Amino acid sequence: MTESDLLLNPNELVQFLKKPPEEFTKKDLVRFIEHKGIRFLNFRYVAEDGKLKTLNFVISSLEHLDQVLTTGERVDGSSLFPYISAGSSDLYVIPRFNTAFLNPFTDVPSLDILCSFYTGDGSPLASSPENILRKAYQLFRKETGYTFKALGELEYYVNSPHDEFYSLVDQKGYHQSIPFAKFEDLRMEAMKLIAQAGGKIKYGHGEVGSFSTEDEDFEQHEIEFLAQPVEDAAEQLIIAKWIIRNLSYRYGVEVSFAPKITVGKAGSGLHIHMLLEKEGVNVMVGDEGLSSTARRMIAGILDLSDALTAFGNTIPTSYLRLVPKQEAPTTVCWGDRNRSVLVRVPLGWLGTGNMTSDANPNAVDEYEVFPPRQSIEFRAPDGSANIHNLLAGLIVATWHGLKMEDGEKAAEDLYVDIDTSDIRSKPGVEKYAHLPGSCWESAEALEKKRSFFEQDGIFPKGTIDKVISRLKSYDDKDLSERLFGKDEEIHQLVLQYIHYC
């Protein structure tokens, strides 16, 4: 990390310690705590439900601080992982030093740090989300030699009392500016705090969804991240959601990451972009466009896509979003820049070297040539996703695709260049499968393909059993048909899951 990188990095620990987070040590954290007068240490960790949990420590002595940072603490695993029995429920939570950040919300200076779960014999807890992702990534790297990078597009709605001045324009919120976007300031403050907590942000903007009722305004926003190693990608999404919610509470407005907050308006997704690197080089591009590796990757994801919804679309209202003509996928296919497909290949800055010179004809031609940034985008998931399990599942699906003998042919057969809302009227439609239409169908898809995810012990059998059981507990088979035309029942269902995500 260069001196310029240190100066530009908004994480206060990086600036103070003058080193990147991956080099943080226990001594570094103690030095920062002593110098900054930190009084509280907060452990944060993600339990079986994919939600962020908290354990607070007041720092009473150097010995106490050293012990907590070294050995972590005990927690009741049966309350965090329902399938752990109360008779043998103790788990350890151990802090990971590279995740530490200064809490932006407490009046008393506090340091927050993410943790991993360990069992009584000191082994990583097989069913904890962060360990499932770690296992998947370690095995993938060992077998393929590839670095798997990912980023999320975090979409959310801000709900506030109706403001008659500069009224929201229905479904025209994309890249809207103040004063027509009321909460650009909330989004920008969130971006600042996420960056200070270690998140690597690409940009933020107003998203399509905007509408008003007689009493309320609903305004959609998006924060998109930069591609990071997959474990870091998961953690920055978890922390970002926590920060946005805390800010909304301070602003006195409501934020929801729910996939659908009303029928007929844009839903909120959690699109996941992915790319593979080898020795720091993007391998998604070949001599004639998308590489063989990228095509095989797509084939694997499409092949397991119905089961992946069990990790990425986990509540009944997820399937109110996955409907035709809403820029949300329903058909298992892929395409270039097509926002109605399941896997999209966005623009990747290929063959565009003259754009800056063209836009700036009087500037001195000293522009650095950056390598292609090609990725692929999985458009099904939403804010209800268990982020660690979803990303682990995408690694499994990618690995599956790389091993498929006919991977390139399978991808070729599922390529489309049309709006998929019209695909059912096209010849050969029978070759295109459809995503599940309910949590129940998603559970059945996972049951059929569970062996892919349980292979090599990545997902424990008990975890898959629990996911299937929870999805089926909603009893939402044929829910869309049952609710058709019943606006009040749909409204009550939306309210039920508005803050589940």
Foldseek 3Di string as FASTA:
>chain_A
DDPVCLVPQLAPLCVVVVDALVPDDLVSVLVVCVVVVAFKEWEWEAFLQLAIDIDIDGDDDPVVSVCCQPFNDWDFQCVRYVVDDNVQGIKGWHFDRSQKGWDPPDPGTYIYTYTFIAGPVGHGDLAGLLQLLVVLQVVLCVVPVKQKWKKKKQKKKWKDWADPPLHADAQQFWQDDPPVQPCPVLVVVLVSVLSNSPFAWDDKGWHRHWDDDPTMTITMIITIGDIDRQSSNLVSVNVSVVSSQVSCVVVVIDMFQAQDQAAPTAGAFIKMKMFIDHPRHTQQADPVGGDPLVLLLLLLCLVLVQLLCLQFVQAFCLLSNCDAPRLAEWKSFEEEPASHHQKYWYDWPPPCVCVVCVVVVPDDPPDDDDDTRTIMIGRSGTPSGSSSVSSSVSSLSSVVSVPDPCRNVSRVVRYDDDNCSCLVVDPPSVVIDTHDNALQSNLVSCVVVVCSSPPPNSHDPVSNVVSSVSSCVNVCVCVCVVCVPVRVVVNVSSVVCRHSD
